[in-house]
Amino acid sequence: MRSVALTGISPSVIDALRSGKPRTLELQSAHNVITVAHAAPGDMIFMTSVDMDDLSSGDAGILVQIVSLSITMKRVVEFVQPALFEERERTSARIQVKFGCNSLVKEVETKDFGQPTTIDVVKQQTCYRAG
């Protein structure tokens, strides 16, 4: 199964998702925001604690379903003196996801900067969740 991958996610966040409750995450790393920009609510995506540069075949993670997704840009203007100011922009993505099943990376297809991280995933045979 082909999927986009969110990398560098905290192991504690992945463990919390395994409990079955939907969780909302705010992603600020550029590669994860770019990856999420190519997804939509209802899509299944792969999440792992492994960094993007180290992602390879056999790495473990989870498949989650996107419940909701929003990408926003925040602009901050900082005044140093009346004639001098600095303007910064930060793009972030907020996603609400729920646990699907455990999975493994079969093959990494793309992990170039500026492109979504795409992989081929091996789903665990059973993905049962009561509730």
N, C-alpha and C. Protein backbone atom coordinates (compact mmCIF):
# COMPACT_ATOMS: atom_id res chain seq x y z
N MET A 1 0.85 -1.16 0.00
CA MET A 1 0.00 0.00 0.00
C MET A 1 0.90 1.24 0.00
N ARG A 2 0.63 2.17 -0.86
CA ARG A 2 1.40 3.41 -0.96
C ARG A 2 0.80 4.43 0.00
N SER A 3 1.67 5.19 0.69
CA SER A 3 1.21 6.17 1.67
C SER A 3 2.22 7.30 1.78
N VAL A 4 1.76 8.44 2.29
CA VAL A 4 2.69 9.49 2.66
C VAL A 4 3.11 9.23 4.11
N ALA A 5 4.28 9.75 4.49
CA ALA A 5 4.83 9.45 5.81
C ALA A 5 5.17 10.72 6.58
N LEU A 6 4.74 10.76 7.83
CA LEU A 6 5.14 11.81 8.75
C LEU A 6 6.26 11.23 9.60
N THR A 7 7.41 11.90 9.62
CA THR A 7 8.58 11.37 10.30
C THR A 7 8.97 12.25 11.48
N GLY A 8 9.75 11.68 12.40
CA GLY A 8 10.22 12.42 13.56
C GLY A 8 9.14 12.71 14.59
N ILE A 9 8.08 11.92 14.60
CA ILE A 9 6.98 12.10 15.55
C ILE A 9 7.40 11.47 16.89
N SER A 10 7.12 12.14 17.97
CA SER A 10 7.51 11.68 19.30
C SER A 10 6.93 10.29 19.59
N PRO A 11 7.74 9.38 20.16
CA PRO A 11 7.22 8.05 20.51
C PRO A 11 6.04 8.12 21.49
N SER A 12 6.01 9.13 22.36
CA SER A 12 4.90 9.24 23.30
C SER A 12 3.59 9.59 22.58
N VAL A 13 3.67 10.36 21.50
CA VAL A 13 2.49 10.69 20.70
C VAL A 13 1.99 9.42 20.00
N ILE A 14 2.91 8.64 19.45
CA ILE A 14 2.52 7.39 18.78
C ILE A 14 1.88 6.43 19.77
N ASP A 15 2.43 6.33 20.99
CA ASP A 15 1.83 5.48 22.02
C ASP A 15 0.43 5.97 22.41
N ALA A 16 0.25 7.28 22.51
CA ALA A 16 -1.07 7.84 22.85
C ALA A 16 -2.08 7.51 21.76
N LEU A 17 -1.67 7.56 20.50
CA LEU A 17 -2.58 7.23 19.40
C LEU A 17 -2.97 5.75 19.44
N ARG A 18 -2.05 4.90 19.85
CA ARG A 18 -2.35 3.46 19.94
C ARG A 18 -3.45 3.16 20.94
N SER A 19 -3.71 4.09 21.87
CA SER A 19 -4.78 3.86 22.86
C SER A 19 -6.16 3.92 22.21
N GLY A 20 -6.24 4.45 20.98
CA GLY A 20 -7.50 4.43 20.24
C GLY A 20 -8.23 5.74 20.18
N LYS A 21 -7.83 6.73 20.97
CA LYS A 21 -8.53 8.01 20.96
C LYS A 21 -7.95 8.92 19.89
N PRO A 22 -8.79 9.67 19.17
CA PRO A 22 -8.27 10.64 18.20
C PRO A 22 -7.45 11.71 18.92
N ARG A 23 -6.39 12.14 18.30
CA ARG A 23 -5.51 13.17 18.85
C ARG A 23 -5.24 14.24 17.80
N THR A 24 -5.08 15.48 18.25
CA THR A 24 -4.76 16.59 17.36
C THR A 24 -3.29 16.93 17.52
N LEU A 25 -2.59 17.03 16.40
CA LEU A 25 -1.16 17.33 16.39
C LEU A 25 -0.93 18.62 15.62
N GLU A 26 0.04 19.41 16.06
CA GLU A 26 0.46 20.59 15.30
C GLU A 26 1.85 20.30 14.76
N LEU A 27 1.96 20.27 13.44
CA LEU A 27 3.22 19.99 12.77
C LEU A 27 3.85 21.29 12.30
N GLN A 28 5.15 21.48 12.61
CA GLN A 28 5.81 22.70 12.20
C GLN A 28 7.04 22.44 11.34
N SER A 29 7.53 21.22 11.30
CA SER A 29 8.70 20.94 10.46
C SER A 29 8.27 21.00 8.99
N ALA A 30 9.10 21.63 8.18
CA ALA A 30 8.75 21.89 6.78
C ALA A 30 8.40 20.61 6.03
N HIS A 31 9.19 19.54 6.21
CA HIS A 31 8.93 18.32 5.44
C HIS A 31 7.60 17.67 5.82
N ASN A 32 7.20 17.75 7.09
CA ASN A 32 5.92 17.18 7.49
C ASN A 32 4.75 18.04 7.01
N VAL A 33 4.90 19.36 7.02
CA VAL A 33 3.84 20.25 6.52
C VAL A 33 3.64 20.01 5.02
N ILE A 34 4.74 19.87 4.27
CA ILE A 34 4.64 19.60 2.83
C ILE A 34 3.96 18.26 2.59
N THR A 35 4.30 17.26 3.39
CA THR A 35 3.70 15.93 3.24
C THR A 35 2.20 15.98 3.52
N VAL A 36 1.78 16.66 4.57
CA VAL A 36 0.36 16.74 4.93
C VAL A 36 -0.42 17.55 3.90
N ALA A 37 0.24 18.49 3.25
CA ALA A 37 -0.44 19.31 2.23
C ALA A 37 -0.91 18.46 1.05
N HIS A 38 -0.37 17.26 0.90
CA HIS A 38 -0.76 16.36 -0.18
C HIS A 38 -1.73 15.27 0.30
N ALA A 39 -2.30 15.47 1.48
CA ALA A 39 -3.26 14.51 2.03
C ALA A 39 -4.60 15.21 2.24
N ALA A 40 -5.61 14.41 2.55
CA ALA A 40 -6.96 14.94 2.77
C ALA A 40 -7.64 14.14 3.87
N PRO A 41 -8.65 14.71 4.53
CA PRO A 41 -9.40 13.95 5.53
C PRO A 41 -9.91 12.63 4.94
N GLY A 42 -9.77 11.58 5.73
CA GLY A 42 -10.15 10.24 5.29
C GLY A 42 -8.98 9.42 4.81
N ASP A 43 -7.87 10.08 4.41
CA ASP A 43 -6.68 9.35 3.94
C ASP A 43 -5.98 8.65 5.10
N MET A 44 -5.35 7.54 4.79
CA MET A 44 -4.49 6.85 5.75
C MET A 44 -3.06 7.31 5.51
N ILE A 45 -2.36 7.70 6.58
CA ILE A 45 -0.96 8.10 6.47
C ILE A 45 -0.14 7.33 7.50
N PHE A 46 1.14 7.23 7.22
CA PHE A 46 2.08 6.50 8.08
C PHE A 46 2.77 7.49 9.00
N MET A 47 2.93 7.12 10.28
CA MET A 47 3.65 7.95 11.24
C MET A 47 4.74 7.12 11.88
N THR A 48 5.93 7.71 12.03
CA THR A 48 7.05 7.02 12.67
C THR A 48 7.89 8.01 13.46
N SER A 49 8.61 7.50 14.44
CA SER A 49 9.51 8.35 15.23
C SER A 49 10.87 8.49 14.55
N VAL A 50 11.12 7.75 13.50
CA VAL A 50 12.38 7.79 12.78
C VAL A 50 12.48 9.11 12.00
N ASP A 51 13.66 9.76 12.01
CA ASP A 51 13.86 10.99 11.24
C ASP A 51 13.79 10.72 9.75
N MET A 52 13.41 11.75 8.98
CA MET A 52 13.25 11.60 7.54
C MET A 52 14.54 11.11 6.88
N ASP A 53 15.69 11.64 7.29
CA ASP A 53 16.96 11.24 6.67
C ASP A 53 17.31 9.78 6.93
N ASP A 54 16.82 9.22 8.04
CA ASP A 54 17.14 7.84 8.41
C ASP A 54 16.07 6.84 8.00
N LEU A 55 14.97 7.28 7.44
CA LEU A 55 13.86 6.39 7.08
C LEU A 55 14.31 5.38 6.04
N SER A 56 14.06 4.08 6.33
CA SER A 56 14.46 3.03 5.40
C SER A 56 13.55 1.82 5.57
N SER A 57 13.72 0.84 4.71
CA SER A 57 12.91 -0.38 4.75
C SER A 57 13.04 -1.05 6.11
N GLY A 58 11.90 -1.54 6.62
CA GLY A 58 11.88 -2.24 7.90
C GLY A 58 11.58 -1.37 9.09
N ASP A 59 11.56 -0.05 8.94
CA ASP A 59 11.26 0.83 10.07
C ASP A 59 9.79 0.68 10.47
N ALA A 60 9.57 0.67 11.77
CA ALA A 60 8.22 0.48 12.31
C ALA A 60 7.51 1.81 12.50
N GLY A 61 6.18 1.76 12.47
CA GLY A 61 5.36 2.94 12.70
C GLY A 61 3.91 2.52 12.78
N ILE A 62 3.03 3.47 12.61
CA ILE A 62 1.59 3.19 12.64
C ILE A 62 0.92 3.86 11.45
N LEU A 63 -0.18 3.28 11.02
CA LEU A 63 -1.05 3.91 10.03
C LEU A 63 -2.18 4.60 10.80
N VAL A 64 -2.43 5.85 10.47
CA VAL A 64 -3.51 6.61 11.10
C VAL A 64 -4.41 7.18 10.01
N GLN A 65 -5.65 7.42 10.37
CA GLN A 65 -6.59 8.04 9.44
C GLN A 65 -6.76 9.51 9.82
N ILE A 66 -6.70 10.38 8.82
CA ILE A 66 -6.88 11.81 9.06
C ILE A 66 -8.36 12.10 9.25
N VAL A 67 -8.71 12.68 10.40
CA VAL A 67 -10.08 13.07 10.70
C VAL A 67 -10.31 14.49 10.21
N SER A 68 -9.39 15.40 10.53
CA SER A 68 -9.48 16.77 10.05
C SER A 68 -8.08 17.33 9.82
N LEU A 69 -8.00 18.36 8.96
CA LEU A 69 -6.71 18.90 8.55
C LEU A 69 -6.86 20.38 8.25
N SER A 70 -5.94 21.20 8.77
CA SER A 70 -5.91 22.62 8.40
C SER A 70 -4.47 23.09 8.37
N ILE A 71 -4.15 23.89 7.37
CA ILE A 71 -2.82 24.45 7.22
C ILE A 71 -2.96 25.96 7.35
N THR A 72 -2.16 26.55 8.24
CA THR A 72 -2.25 27.98 8.49
C THR A 72 -0.86 28.62 8.44
N MET A 73 -0.87 29.94 8.20
CA MET A 73 0.37 30.70 8.23
C MET A 73 0.22 31.80 9.27
N LYS A 74 1.23 31.93 10.12
CA LYS A 74 1.22 32.98 11.14
C LYS A 74 2.32 33.98 10.78
N ARG A 75 1.99 35.22 10.87
CA ARG A 75 2.96 36.28 10.58
C ARG A 75 3.26 37.02 11.88
N VAL A 76 4.57 37.18 12.18
CA VAL A 76 5.01 37.89 13.38
C VAL A 76 5.87 39.06 12.94
N VAL A 77 5.53 40.25 13.43
CA VAL A 77 6.31 41.45 13.14
C VAL A 77 6.90 41.92 14.47
N GLU A 78 8.23 42.03 14.49
CA GLU A 78 8.93 42.44 15.70
C GLU A 78 9.61 43.79 15.46
N PHE A 79 9.26 44.79 16.29
CA PHE A 79 9.85 46.13 16.15
C PHE A 79 11.06 46.24 17.08
N VAL A 80 12.19 46.62 16.51
CA VAL A 80 13.40 46.83 17.29
C VAL A 80 13.56 48.31 17.62
N GLN A 81 13.42 49.15 16.66
CA GLN A 81 13.41 50.61 16.82
C GLN A 81 12.27 51.11 15.95
N PRO A 82 11.90 52.37 16.11
CA PRO A 82 10.78 52.87 15.30
C PRO A 82 10.99 52.70 13.79
N ALA A 83 12.24 52.69 13.33
CA ALA A 83 12.48 52.58 11.89
C ALA A 83 12.91 51.18 11.47
N LEU A 84 13.09 50.26 12.41
CA LEU A 84 13.61 48.93 12.10
C LEU A 84 12.63 47.86 12.58
N PHE A 85 12.26 46.95 11.71
CA PHE A 85 11.41 45.86 12.13
C PHE A 85 11.77 44.59 11.37
N GLU A 86 11.40 43.48 11.96
CA GLU A 86 11.67 42.18 11.35
C GLU A 86 10.35 41.44 11.22
N GLU A 87 10.11 40.87 10.06
CA GLU A 87 8.88 40.14 9.80
C GLU A 87 9.21 38.68 9.53
N ARG A 88 8.50 37.79 10.20
CA ARG A 88 8.70 36.35 10.01
C ARG A 88 7.36 35.68 9.76
N GLU A 89 7.40 34.62 8.99
CA GLU A 89 6.19 33.83 8.73
C GLU A 89 6.47 32.38 9.10
N ARG A 90 5.46 31.74 9.65
CA ARG A 90 5.58 30.33 10.01
C ARG A 90 4.34 29.60 9.53
N THR A 91 4.55 28.58 8.72
CA THR A 91 3.44 27.75 8.25
C THR A 91 3.39 26.50 9.12
N SER A 92 2.21 26.16 9.57
CA SER A 92 2.05 24.96 10.38
C SER A 92 0.78 24.24 9.95
N ALA A 93 0.72 22.97 10.30
CA ALA A 93 -0.45 22.15 9.96
C ALA A 93 -0.99 21.53 11.25
N ARG A 94 -2.28 21.60 11.41
CA ARG A 94 -2.95 20.91 12.53
C ARG A 94 -3.76 19.77 11.94
N ILE A 95 -3.50 18.58 12.44
CA ILE A 95 -4.25 17.42 11.97
C ILE A 95 -4.80 16.66 13.16
N GLN A 96 -6.02 16.17 13.00
CA GLN A 96 -6.58 15.26 13.99
C GLN A 96 -6.57 13.90 13.33
N VAL A 97 -5.98 12.93 14.03
CA VAL A 97 -5.84 11.58 13.48
C VAL A 97 -6.32 10.55 14.48
N LYS A 98 -6.68 9.37 13.96
CA LYS A 98 -7.03 8.25 14.83
C LYS A 98 -6.28 7.01 14.36
N PHE A 99 -5.96 6.16 15.30
CA PHE A 99 -5.14 4.97 15.05
C PHE A 99 -5.83 3.99 14.11
N GLY A 100 -5.07 3.45 13.17
CA GLY A 100 -5.56 2.41 12.28
C GLY A 100 -4.95 1.06 12.64
N CYS A 101 -3.63 0.93 12.44
CA CYS A 101 -2.94 -0.30 12.77
C CYS A 101 -1.43 -0.08 12.75
N ASN A 102 -0.72 -1.04 13.30
CA ASN A 102 0.74 -1.01 13.25
C ASN A 102 1.19 -1.39 11.85
N SER A 103 2.34 -0.90 11.43
CA SER A 103 2.82 -1.20 10.08
C SER A 103 4.33 -1.04 10.00
N LEU A 104 4.87 -1.46 8.87
CA LEU A 104 6.30 -1.37 8.59
C LEU A 104 6.52 -0.75 7.22
N VAL A 105 7.67 -0.08 7.07
CA VAL A 105 8.05 0.47 5.78
C VAL A 105 8.58 -0.67 4.92
N LYS A 106 7.97 -0.85 3.75
CA LYS A 106 8.45 -1.86 2.81
C LYS A 106 9.52 -1.25 1.91
N GLU A 107 9.26 -0.04 1.40
CA GLU A 107 10.20 0.64 0.53
C GLU A 107 9.96 2.15 0.59
N VAL A 108 11.03 2.93 0.65
CA VAL A 108 10.92 4.38 0.63
C VAL A 108 10.96 4.81 -0.84
N GLU A 109 9.92 5.52 -1.27
CA GLU A 109 9.84 5.94 -2.67
C GLU A 109 10.41 7.34 -2.87
N THR A 110 10.03 8.30 -2.02
CA THR A 110 10.50 9.68 -2.17
C THR A 110 10.75 10.28 -0.80
N LYS A 111 11.90 10.90 -0.62
CA LYS A 111 12.14 11.70 0.58
C LYS A 111 13.01 12.90 0.24
N ASP A 112 12.69 13.53 -0.90
CA ASP A 112 13.39 14.72 -1.34
C ASP A 112 12.79 15.95 -0.68
N PHE A 113 13.65 16.94 -0.41
CA PHE A 113 13.16 18.18 0.19
C PHE A 113 12.22 18.89 -0.80
N GLY A 114 11.10 19.37 -0.30
CA GLY A 114 10.13 20.05 -1.14
C GLY A 114 9.10 19.12 -1.75
N GLN A 115 9.26 17.82 -1.54
CA GLN A 115 8.32 16.81 -2.04
C GLN A 115 7.75 16.04 -0.85
N PRO A 116 6.52 15.53 -0.93
CA PRO A 116 6.00 14.72 0.17
C PRO A 116 6.80 13.43 0.31
N THR A 117 7.01 13.00 1.53
CA THR A 117 7.69 11.74 1.79
C THR A 117 6.71 10.62 1.50
N THR A 118 6.99 9.80 0.49
CA THR A 118 6.09 8.70 0.13
C THR A 118 6.80 7.37 0.32
N ILE A 119 6.03 6.40 0.76
CA ILE A 119 6.58 5.07 1.05
C ILE A 119 5.59 4.01 0.61
N ASP A 120 6.08 2.78 0.55
CA ASP A 120 5.25 1.61 0.38
C ASP A 120 5.20 0.94 1.75
N VAL A 121 3.99 0.67 2.26
CA VAL A 121 3.80 0.19 3.62
C VAL A 121 3.26 -1.23 3.63
N VAL A 122 3.70 -2.00 4.62
CA VAL A 122 3.15 -3.33 4.86
C VAL A 122 2.25 -3.20 6.08
N LYS A 123 0.93 -3.40 5.88
CA LYS A 123 -0.01 -3.31 6.99
C LYS A 123 0.05 -4.61 7.80
N GLN A 124 -0.17 -4.46 9.11
CA GLN A 124 -0.30 -5.63 9.96
C GLN A 124 -1.55 -6.37 9.56
N GLN A 125 -1.55 -7.68 9.62
CA GLN A 125 -2.67 -8.47 9.13
C GLN A 125 -3.99 -8.14 9.83
N THR A 126 -3.93 -7.93 11.15
CA THR A 126 -5.16 -7.62 11.87
C THR A 126 -5.12 -6.20 12.36
N CYS A 127 -6.19 -5.47 12.13
CA CYS A 127 -6.30 -4.06 12.53
C CYS A 127 -7.60 -3.87 13.30
N TYR A 128 -7.87 -4.72 14.27
CA TYR A 128 -9.13 -4.65 14.98
C TYR A 128 -9.07 -3.65 16.12
N ARG A 129 -10.14 -2.92 16.30
CA ARG A 129 -10.24 -1.99 17.42
C ARG A 129 -11.71 -1.93 17.81
N ALA A 130 -11.99 -2.28 19.06
CA ALA A 130 -13.37 -2.22 19.55
C ALA A 130 -13.72 -0.78 19.89
N GLY A 131 -14.95 -0.42 19.63
CA GLY A 131 -15.38 0.91 20.07
C GLY A 131 -15.75 1.79 19.02
